[in-house]
């Protein structure tokens, strides 16, 4: 009979279970939606809208999109105070940071 993940976790020692849960939390924290990132930066949609020169409703719609132009994503990340980089990952080599794809002209004001 196959074991599910809950059965496997229940079979771990308390210390090992804490280590697994801590690592899972780290991995989950490394991946965020734009909405989660904005909230983690303690920014409201209204503040983001002002920084981007768009409406709050537009920020809400932007956060729900799954397909964005890189320039839109760059402006959004920079408005949060960050810098966007694009990394290509391959199975047979180390990750490569792509250059020349996300230009840094016309930066919006940072929100803070």
Protein backbone atom coordinates (compact mmCIF):
# COMPACT_ATOMS: atom_id res chain seq x y z
CA UNK A 1 0.00 0.00 0.00
CA UNK A 2 1.30 3.44 -0.95
CA UNK A 3 1.98 6.00 1.77
CA UNK A 4 0.80 9.55 1.42
CA UNK A 5 2.86 12.53 2.54
CA UNK A 6 0.92 12.92 5.79
CA UNK A 7 1.77 9.34 6.79
CA UNK A 8 5.43 9.92 6.02
CA UNK A 9 5.55 13.17 8.02
CA UNK A 10 3.78 11.52 10.98
CA UNK A 11 6.52 8.88 11.01
CA UNK A 12 9.31 11.45 11.44
CA UNK A 13 10.80 12.39 14.77
CA UNK A 14 9.58 15.74 16.15
CA UNK A 15 12.97 17.35 15.45
CA UNK A 16 13.06 16.07 11.87
CA UNK A 17 9.45 17.18 11.33
CA UNK A 18 10.33 20.71 12.54
CA UNK A 19 13.31 20.78 10.14
CA UNK A 20 11.15 19.65 7.20
CA UNK A 21 8.46 22.20 8.04
CA UNK A 22 11.03 24.99 8.39
CA UNK A 23 12.54 24.16 5.00
CA UNK A 24 9.07 24.01 3.43
CA UNK A 25 8.36 27.48 4.85
CA UNK A 26 11.63 28.77 3.34
CA UNK A 27 10.76 27.37 -0.09
CA UNK A 28 7.26 28.79 0.03
CA UNK A 29 8.66 32.20 1.02
CA UNK A 30 10.93 32.19 -2.04
CA UNK A 31 7.92 32.17 -4.35
CA UNK A 32 5.29 34.88 -4.11
CA UNK A 33 2.59 36.38 -6.26
CA UNK A 34 2.76 40.12 -6.94
CA UNK A 35 -0.07 40.58 -4.43
CA UNK A 36 1.82 38.64 -1.74
CA UNK A 37 5.00 40.57 -2.51
CA UNK A 38 3.18 43.90 -2.26
CA UNK A 39 1.67 42.89 1.08
CA UNK A 40 5.05 41.64 2.36
CA UNK A 41 6.46 45.07 1.50
CA UNK A 42 3.58 46.59 3.55
CA UNK A 43 2.23 48.52 0.56
CA UNK A 44 -1.40 49.13 -0.31
CA UNK A 45 -2.87 48.95 -3.78
CA UNK A 46 -3.55 52.69 -3.49
CA UNK A 47 0.14 53.46 -2.81
CA UNK A 48 1.17 51.22 -5.71
CA UNK A 49 -1.37 52.90 -8.00
CA UNK A 50 0.04 56.35 -7.16
CA UNK A 51 3.62 55.20 -7.76
CA UNK A 52 2.70 53.59 -11.08
CA UNK A 53 0.37 56.38 -12.23
CA UNK A 54 -2.60 54.03 -12.58
CA UNK A 55 -5.82 53.39 -10.69
CA UNK A 56 -6.20 51.11 -7.67
CA UNK A 57 -8.51 48.93 -9.79
CA UNK A 58 -5.72 48.58 -12.37
CA UNK A 59 -3.32 47.41 -9.65
CA UNK A 60 -5.89 44.83 -8.56
CA UNK A 61 -6.25 43.55 -12.13
CA UNK A 62 -2.47 43.55 -12.65
CA UNK A 63 -2.01 41.38 -9.55
CA UNK A 64 -4.48 38.82 -10.92
CA UNK A 65 -2.83 38.49 -14.34
CA UNK A 66 -0.69 35.48 -15.12
CA UNK A 67 0.89 36.94 -18.26
CA UNK A 68 2.64 40.32 -17.98
CA UNK A 69 4.98 42.29 -20.18
CA UNK A 70 8.46 42.33 -18.66
CA UNK A 71 8.38 46.14 -18.69
CA UNK A 72 5.17 46.11 -16.62
CA UNK A 73 6.63 43.61 -14.17
CA UNK A 74 9.85 45.64 -13.93
CA UNK A 75 7.98 48.88 -13.20
CA UNK A 76 5.84 47.14 -10.58
CA UNK A 77 8.82 45.58 -8.79
CA UNK A 78 10.75 48.86 -8.89
CA UNK A 79 7.74 50.74 -7.50
CA UNK A 80 7.97 48.36 -4.52
CA UNK A 81 11.62 49.33 -4.06
CA UNK A 82 13.12 46.26 -5.74
CA UNK A 83 15.03 45.42 -8.90
CA UNK A 84 13.88 42.81 -11.40
CA UNK A 85 16.32 40.30 -12.82
CA UNK A 86 15.55 37.45 -15.18
CA UNK A 87 17.26 34.09 -14.71
CA UNK A 88 17.31 31.20 -17.19
CA UNK A 89 17.70 27.76 -15.62
CA UNK A 90 18.94 24.68 -17.45
CA UNK A 91 19.39 21.11 -16.25
CA UNK A 92 23.01 20.90 -17.42
CA UNK A 93 24.49 24.17 -16.13
CA UNK A 94 24.31 26.85 -13.48
CA UNK A 95 21.54 29.46 -13.81
CA UNK A 96 22.25 32.37 -16.16
CA UNK A 97 21.16 35.94 -15.41
CA UNK A 98 19.90 37.39 -18.69
CA UNK A 99 21.03 40.91 -19.52
CA UNK A 100 19.64 43.46 -21.94
CA UNK A 101 16.07 42.20 -21.62
CA UNK A 102 14.80 44.36 -18.77
CA UNK A 103 15.97 47.91 -19.41
CA UNK A 104 16.20 50.35 -16.55
CA UNK A 105 15.03 53.57 -18.21
CA UNK A 106 12.06 55.61 -17.01
CA UNK A 107 12.05 54.26 -13.46
CA UNK A 108 8.93 55.16 -11.46
CA UNK A 109 9.26 56.72 -8.02
CA UNK A 110 9.80 54.22 -5.25
CA UNK A 111 7.10 53.77 -2.66
CA UNK A 112 8.24 53.87 0.91
